[in-house]
Amino acid sequence: MDEINLRNYAYLGDAVWELLIREKTILLTNNAKKLHKITTDKVKGHFQAGLLEEIENILTEEEKELSRRARNLPIPVARRSCQSEYRQATAFEALIGFWFKNNKERFNYIISQLEKNLDFSEI
């Protein structure tokens, strides 16, 4: 495994995930307010925590370990209303960043699995 800091994987994963969501949402509407609403709903910690739960059963042991370590990173307590959700979202973002950087084939597979459950019907 590449020795990149887990926070950096999460940072990268956050950006990659938002870009993926934006790529999907721009095809749905020209209304900027609706675009923003749909995008922010899909990049929130609560949503990402749910996605991690959906893919947990297909993670390898190495991926589970990366996820566990990312969940256990120290977080700024005062800023987070739901620490467990924030930790799960950080783990999800770290995995996305890890796959994006180190294993595009796995990244594409995971994204294809997640896309089956993404609901863009809010328009």
N, C-alpha and C. Protein backbone atom coordinates (compact mmCIF):
# COMPACT_ATOMS: atom_id res chain seq x y z
N MET A 1 0.85 -1.18 0.00
CA MET A 1 0.00 0.00 0.00
C MET A 1 0.89 1.24 0.00
N ASP A 2 0.53 2.20 -0.83
CA ASP A 2 1.24 3.47 -0.89
C ASP A 2 1.16 4.15 0.47
N GLU A 3 2.26 4.71 0.93
CA GLU A 3 2.27 5.32 2.26
C GLU A 3 1.87 6.79 2.21
N ILE A 4 0.64 7.03 1.87
CA ILE A 4 0.07 8.38 1.91
C ILE A 4 -0.74 8.46 3.20
N ASN A 5 -0.68 9.59 3.83
CA ASN A 5 -1.42 9.84 5.05
C ASN A 5 -2.92 9.59 4.81
N LEU A 6 -3.59 8.94 5.76
CA LEU A 6 -5.02 8.65 5.61
C LEU A 6 -5.85 9.91 5.44
N ARG A 7 -5.47 10.97 6.12
CA ARG A 7 -6.20 12.24 5.95
C ARG A 7 -6.08 12.73 4.50
N ASN A 8 -4.93 12.50 3.90
CA ASN A 8 -4.76 12.92 2.51
C ASN A 8 -5.58 12.08 1.56
N TYR A 9 -5.69 10.78 1.84
CA TYR A 9 -6.59 9.95 1.04
C TYR A 9 -8.04 10.44 1.18
N ALA A 10 -8.44 10.77 2.40
CA ALA A 10 -9.79 11.27 2.63
C ALA A 10 -10.00 12.61 1.92
N TYR A 11 -8.99 13.45 1.96
CA TYR A 11 -9.06 14.75 1.29
C TYR A 11 -9.25 14.55 -0.22
N LEU A 12 -8.45 13.65 -0.79
CA LEU A 12 -8.57 13.35 -2.21
C LEU A 12 -9.92 12.71 -2.50
N GLY A 13 -10.32 11.76 -1.67
CA GLY A 13 -11.60 11.07 -1.87
C GLY A 13 -12.79 12.01 -1.82
N ASP A 14 -12.72 13.00 -0.94
CA ASP A 14 -13.79 14.00 -0.86
C ASP A 14 -13.93 14.74 -2.19
N ALA A 15 -12.82 15.14 -2.76
CA ALA A 15 -12.84 15.88 -4.03
C ALA A 15 -13.31 14.98 -5.18
N VAL A 16 -12.81 13.76 -5.22
CA VAL A 16 -13.18 12.82 -6.29
C VAL A 16 -14.67 12.51 -6.21
N TRP A 17 -15.17 12.24 -5.00
CA TRP A 17 -16.59 11.93 -4.84
C TRP A 17 -17.47 13.10 -5.29
N GLU A 18 -17.10 14.31 -4.87
CA GLU A 18 -17.91 15.46 -5.27
C GLU A 18 -17.89 15.65 -6.78
N LEU A 19 -16.75 15.46 -7.40
CA LEU A 19 -16.67 15.58 -8.86
C LEU A 19 -17.55 14.53 -9.55
N LEU A 20 -17.52 13.31 -9.06
CA LEU A 20 -18.38 12.26 -9.63
C LEU A 20 -19.85 12.65 -9.53
N ILE A 21 -20.25 13.14 -8.37
CA ILE A 21 -21.64 13.55 -8.17
C ILE A 21 -21.99 14.72 -9.08
N ARG A 22 -21.09 15.68 -9.17
CA ARG A 22 -21.35 16.83 -10.05
C ARG A 22 -21.48 16.39 -11.51
N GLU A 23 -20.68 15.43 -11.93
CA GLU A 23 -20.79 14.91 -13.30
C GLU A 23 -22.18 14.34 -13.56
N LYS A 24 -22.76 13.71 -12.57
CA LYS A 24 -24.11 13.15 -12.71
C LYS A 24 -25.18 14.24 -12.68
N THR A 25 -25.03 15.18 -11.76
CA THR A 25 -26.11 16.16 -11.57
C THR A 25 -26.21 17.17 -12.71
N ILE A 26 -25.11 17.48 -13.37
CA ILE A 26 -25.20 18.48 -14.46
C ILE A 26 -26.06 18.00 -15.62
N LEU A 27 -26.30 16.70 -15.67
CA LEU A 27 -27.14 16.16 -16.73
C LEU A 27 -28.63 16.22 -16.38
N LEU A 28 -28.93 16.62 -15.14
CA LEU A 28 -30.31 16.57 -14.68
C LEU A 28 -31.08 17.88 -14.81
N THR A 29 -30.38 19.00 -14.65
CA THR A 29 -31.08 20.29 -14.66
C THR A 29 -30.10 21.42 -14.96
N ASN A 30 -30.64 22.53 -15.41
CA ASN A 30 -29.85 23.75 -15.62
C ASN A 30 -30.04 24.72 -14.46
N ASN A 31 -30.88 24.36 -13.53
CA ASN A 31 -31.19 25.22 -12.40
C ASN A 31 -30.08 25.10 -11.35
N ALA A 32 -29.36 26.18 -11.12
CA ALA A 32 -28.20 26.16 -10.21
C ALA A 32 -28.60 25.80 -8.79
N LYS A 33 -29.75 26.27 -8.34
CA LYS A 33 -30.19 25.98 -6.98
C LYS A 33 -30.47 24.48 -6.81
N LYS A 34 -31.12 23.88 -7.81
CA LYS A 34 -31.39 22.45 -7.76
C LYS A 34 -30.09 21.65 -7.84
N LEU A 35 -29.17 22.08 -8.70
CA LEU A 35 -27.88 21.40 -8.80
C LEU A 35 -27.17 21.38 -7.46
N HIS A 36 -27.15 22.52 -6.81
CA HIS A 36 -26.48 22.63 -5.51
C HIS A 36 -27.14 21.71 -4.48
N LYS A 37 -28.46 21.72 -4.44
CA LYS A 37 -29.19 20.90 -3.47
C LYS A 37 -28.92 19.41 -3.68
N ILE A 38 -29.02 18.96 -4.92
CA ILE A 38 -28.80 17.54 -5.21
C ILE A 38 -27.36 17.15 -4.86
N THR A 39 -26.42 17.98 -5.26
CA THR A 39 -25.01 17.68 -5.01
C THR A 39 -24.72 17.64 -3.52
N THR A 40 -25.14 18.65 -2.78
CA THR A 40 -24.83 18.67 -1.35
C THR A 40 -25.48 17.52 -0.61
N ASP A 41 -26.66 17.10 -1.04
CA ASP A 41 -27.31 15.95 -0.41
C ASP A 41 -26.48 14.68 -0.58
N LYS A 42 -25.77 14.55 -1.71
CA LYS A 42 -25.00 13.34 -2.01
C LYS A 42 -23.57 13.37 -1.46
N VAL A 43 -23.12 14.53 -1.02
CA VAL A 43 -21.75 14.60 -0.48
C VAL A 43 -21.74 14.83 1.03
N LYS A 44 -22.90 14.85 1.65
CA LYS A 44 -22.99 15.00 3.11
C LYS A 44 -22.47 13.75 3.81
N GLY A 45 -21.97 13.96 5.02
CA GLY A 45 -21.45 12.86 5.82
C GLY A 45 -22.47 11.75 6.04
N HIS A 46 -23.70 12.13 6.30
CA HIS A 46 -24.76 11.14 6.53
C HIS A 46 -24.91 10.21 5.33
N PHE A 47 -24.93 10.79 4.14
CA PHE A 47 -25.09 10.01 2.92
C PHE A 47 -23.88 9.11 2.69
N GLN A 48 -22.68 9.68 2.86
CA GLN A 48 -21.45 8.90 2.65
C GLN A 48 -21.35 7.76 3.66
N ALA A 49 -21.76 7.99 4.89
CA ALA A 49 -21.75 6.93 5.91
C ALA A 49 -22.63 5.76 5.46
N GLY A 50 -23.77 6.08 4.88
CA GLY A 50 -24.66 5.05 4.37
C GLY A 50 -24.05 4.28 3.21
N LEU A 51 -23.31 4.98 2.37
CA LEU A 51 -22.66 4.31 1.24
C LEU A 51 -21.58 3.35 1.73
N LEU A 52 -20.84 3.75 2.75
CA LEU A 52 -19.83 2.86 3.30
C LEU A 52 -20.49 1.58 3.81
N GLU A 53 -21.61 1.73 4.47
CA GLU A 53 -22.34 0.58 4.98
C GLU A 53 -22.75 -0.36 3.84
N GLU A 54 -23.15 0.22 2.71
CA GLU A 54 -23.58 -0.57 1.55
C GLU A 54 -22.45 -1.41 0.95
N ILE A 55 -21.22 -0.91 1.01
CA ILE A 55 -20.12 -1.63 0.35
C ILE A 55 -19.25 -2.44 1.32
N GLU A 56 -19.53 -2.36 2.59
CA GLU A 56 -18.69 -3.06 3.57
C GLU A 56 -18.54 -4.55 3.27
N ASN A 57 -19.58 -5.18 2.78
CA ASN A 57 -19.53 -6.63 2.54
C ASN A 57 -18.68 -7.00 1.33
N ILE A 58 -18.28 -6.04 0.50
CA ILE A 58 -17.43 -6.36 -0.65
C ILE A 58 -16.00 -5.83 -0.49
N LEU A 59 -15.68 -5.31 0.70
CA LEU A 59 -14.34 -4.82 0.94
C LEU A 59 -13.38 -5.97 1.22
N THR A 60 -12.14 -5.82 0.75
CA THR A 60 -11.10 -6.78 1.07
C THR A 60 -10.64 -6.54 2.50
N GLU A 61 -9.85 -7.44 3.03
CA GLU A 61 -9.31 -7.25 4.39
C GLU A 61 -8.46 -5.99 4.46
N GLU A 62 -7.65 -5.73 3.44
CA GLU A 62 -6.82 -4.51 3.41
C GLU A 62 -7.69 -3.26 3.41
N GLU A 63 -8.77 -3.28 2.65
CA GLU A 63 -9.68 -2.15 2.58
C GLU A 63 -10.42 -1.96 3.91
N LYS A 64 -10.80 -3.05 4.54
CA LYS A 64 -11.46 -2.96 5.85
C LYS A 64 -10.51 -2.35 6.88
N GLU A 65 -9.25 -2.73 6.81
CA GLU A 65 -8.26 -2.18 7.73
C GLU A 65 -8.05 -0.68 7.47
N LEU A 66 -7.97 -0.28 6.22
CA LEU A 66 -7.84 1.14 5.87
C LEU A 66 -9.05 1.91 6.38
N SER A 67 -10.23 1.36 6.19
CA SER A 67 -11.46 1.99 6.65
C SER A 67 -11.46 2.13 8.16
N ARG A 68 -11.07 1.08 8.86
CA ARG A 68 -11.03 1.11 10.33
C ARG A 68 -10.06 2.19 10.82
N ARG A 69 -8.88 2.24 10.21
CA ARG A 69 -7.89 3.23 10.62
C ARG A 69 -8.38 4.65 10.34
N ALA A 70 -9.05 4.85 9.21
CA ALA A 70 -9.57 6.18 8.87
C ALA A 70 -10.69 6.59 9.83
N ARG A 71 -11.53 5.63 10.22
CA ARG A 71 -12.60 5.92 11.18
C ARG A 71 -12.04 6.35 12.53
N ASN A 72 -10.88 5.86 12.86
CA ASN A 72 -10.30 6.13 14.17
C ASN A 72 -9.39 7.36 14.21
N LEU A 73 -9.30 8.09 13.10
CA LEU A 73 -8.51 9.32 13.11
C LEU A 73 -9.11 10.32 14.10
N PRO A 74 -8.27 11.08 14.78
CA PRO A 74 -8.80 12.13 15.67
C PRO A 74 -9.58 13.16 14.84
N ILE A 75 -10.71 13.61 15.39
CA ILE A 75 -11.52 14.61 14.69
C ILE A 75 -11.80 15.78 15.62
N PRO A 76 -12.01 16.96 15.03
CA PRO A 76 -12.38 18.11 15.86
C PRO A 76 -13.80 17.93 16.41
N VAL A 77 -13.92 17.71 17.68
CA VAL A 77 -15.19 17.35 18.31
C VAL A 77 -16.24 18.46 18.20
N ALA A 78 -15.86 19.68 18.47
CA ALA A 78 -16.83 20.78 18.53
C ALA A 78 -17.56 21.00 17.21
N ARG A 79 -16.93 20.70 16.11
CA ARG A 79 -17.53 20.98 14.81
C ARG A 79 -18.49 19.91 14.33
N ARG A 80 -18.50 18.77 14.96
CA ARG A 80 -19.28 17.65 14.45
C ARG A 80 -20.44 17.30 15.37
N SER A 81 -21.64 17.33 14.82
CA SER A 81 -22.80 17.00 15.63
C SER A 81 -22.94 15.49 15.80
N CYS A 82 -22.55 14.73 14.82
CA CYS A 82 -22.64 13.28 14.90
C CYS A 82 -21.28 12.68 14.56
N GLN A 83 -20.51 12.44 15.59
CA GLN A 83 -19.14 11.96 15.38
C GLN A 83 -19.08 10.63 14.64
N SER A 84 -19.97 9.71 14.96
CA SER A 84 -19.89 8.40 14.31
C SER A 84 -20.14 8.51 12.81
N GLU A 85 -21.10 9.36 12.42
CA GLU A 85 -21.35 9.58 10.99
C GLU A 85 -20.15 10.23 10.32
N TYR A 86 -19.57 11.21 10.98
CA TYR A 86 -18.40 11.90 10.43
C TYR A 86 -17.26 10.91 10.24
N ARG A 87 -17.06 10.03 11.20
CA ARG A 87 -15.99 9.04 11.12
C ARG A 87 -16.24 8.07 9.96
N GLN A 88 -17.47 7.64 9.80
CA GLN A 88 -17.82 6.74 8.70
C GLN A 88 -17.59 7.43 7.35
N ALA A 89 -17.99 8.69 7.27
CA ALA A 89 -17.80 9.45 6.02
C ALA A 89 -16.32 9.63 5.72
N THR A 90 -15.52 9.87 6.74
CA THR A 90 -14.07 10.00 6.55
C THR A 90 -13.50 8.68 6.03
N ALA A 91 -13.96 7.57 6.58
CA ALA A 91 -13.50 6.26 6.11
C ALA A 91 -13.90 6.04 4.65
N PHE A 92 -15.13 6.42 4.31
CA PHE A 92 -15.59 6.29 2.92
C PHE A 92 -14.71 7.12 1.99
N GLU A 93 -14.46 8.36 2.37
CA GLU A 93 -13.63 9.25 1.54
C GLU A 93 -12.20 8.73 1.42
N ALA A 94 -11.66 8.18 2.50
CA ALA A 94 -10.30 7.62 2.45
C ALA A 94 -10.23 6.45 1.48
N LEU A 95 -11.25 5.61 1.50
CA LEU A 95 -11.29 4.49 0.55
C LEU A 95 -11.38 4.99 -0.89
N ILE A 96 -12.25 5.95 -1.13
CA ILE A 96 -12.39 6.51 -2.48
C ILE A 96 -11.04 7.08 -2.94
N GLY A 97 -10.39 7.84 -2.08
CA GLY A 97 -9.08 8.41 -2.42
C GLY A 97 -8.04 7.34 -2.67
N PHE A 98 -8.03 6.30 -1.83
CA PHE A 98 -7.08 5.19 -1.98
C PHE A 98 -7.26 4.49 -3.31
N TRP A 99 -8.51 4.13 -3.61
CA TRP A 99 -8.78 3.45 -4.88
C TRP A 99 -8.45 4.33 -6.08
N PHE A 100 -8.84 5.58 -6.01
CA PHE A 100 -8.58 6.50 -7.11
C PHE A 100 -7.09 6.61 -7.39
N LYS A 101 -6.29 6.67 -6.35
CA LYS A 101 -4.84 6.85 -6.49
C LYS A 101 -4.13 5.55 -6.86
N ASN A 102 -4.58 4.42 -6.31
CA ASN A 102 -3.81 3.19 -6.40
C ASN A 102 -4.41 2.06 -7.23
N ASN A 103 -5.71 2.10 -7.48
CA ASN A 103 -6.33 0.96 -8.14
C ASN A 103 -7.58 1.41 -8.90
N LYS A 104 -7.37 1.95 -10.08
CA LYS A 104 -8.48 2.49 -10.88
C LYS A 104 -9.52 1.42 -11.21
N GLU A 105 -9.07 0.19 -11.43
CA GLU A 105 -10.02 -0.88 -11.74
C GLU A 105 -10.96 -1.12 -10.57
N ARG A 106 -10.43 -1.19 -9.38
CA ARG A 106 -11.24 -1.38 -8.17
C ARG A 106 -12.13 -0.16 -7.94
N PHE A 107 -11.55 1.02 -8.14
CA PHE A 107 -12.30 2.27 -8.01
C PHE A 107 -13.53 2.22 -8.93
N ASN A 108 -13.32 1.89 -10.18
CA ASN A 108 -14.43 1.85 -11.14
C ASN A 108 -15.47 0.81 -10.77
N TYR A 109 -15.01 -0.33 -10.26
CA TYR A 109 -15.95 -1.37 -9.82
C TYR A 109 -16.82 -0.88 -8.66
N ILE A 110 -16.18 -0.29 -7.66
CA ILE A 110 -16.92 0.20 -6.48
C ILE A 110 -17.91 1.29 -6.91
N ILE A 111 -17.46 2.21 -7.74
CA ILE A 111 -18.36 3.28 -8.21
C ILE A 111 -19.54 2.68 -8.96
N SER A 112 -19.29 1.69 -9.79
CA SER A 112 -20.41 1.06 -10.52
C SER A 112 -21.40 0.41 -9.57
N GLN A 113 -20.91 -0.17 -8.47
CA GLN A 113 -21.80 -0.76 -7.47
C GLN A 113 -22.61 0.33 -6.76
N LEU A 114 -21.95 1.41 -6.42
CA LEU A 114 -22.63 2.51 -5.72
C LEU A 114 -23.66 3.20 -6.61
N GLU A 115 -23.35 3.33 -7.89
CA GLU A 115 -24.25 4.03 -8.81
C GLU A 115 -25.60 3.32 -8.93
N LYS A 116 -25.61 2.03 -8.69
CA LYS A 116 -26.87 1.29 -8.75
C LYS A 116 -27.87 1.80 -7.72
N ASN A 117 -27.35 2.39 -6.64
CA ASN A 117 -28.20 2.83 -5.54
C ASN A 117 -28.32 4.34 -5.40
N LEU A 118 -27.71 5.09 -6.31
CA LEU A 118 -27.82 6.54 -6.23
C LEU A 118 -29.12 7.00 -6.83
N ASP A 119 -29.92 7.69 -6.05
CA ASP A 119 -31.22 8.16 -6.49
C ASP A 119 -31.13 9.65 -6.83
N PHE A 120 -31.31 9.94 -8.10
CA PHE A 120 -31.28 11.33 -8.54
C PHE A 120 -32.67 11.81 -8.94
N SER A 121 -33.68 11.28 -8.29
CA SER A 121 -35.05 11.60 -8.66
C SER A 121 -35.60 12.84 -7.94
N GLU A 122 -34.73 13.60 -7.26
CA GLU A 122 -35.22 14.77 -6.52
C GLU A 122 -35.63 15.92 -7.43
N ILE A 123 -35.41 15.83 -8.70
CA ILE A 123 -35.71 16.92 -9.63
C ILE A 123 -37.22 17.08 -9.75
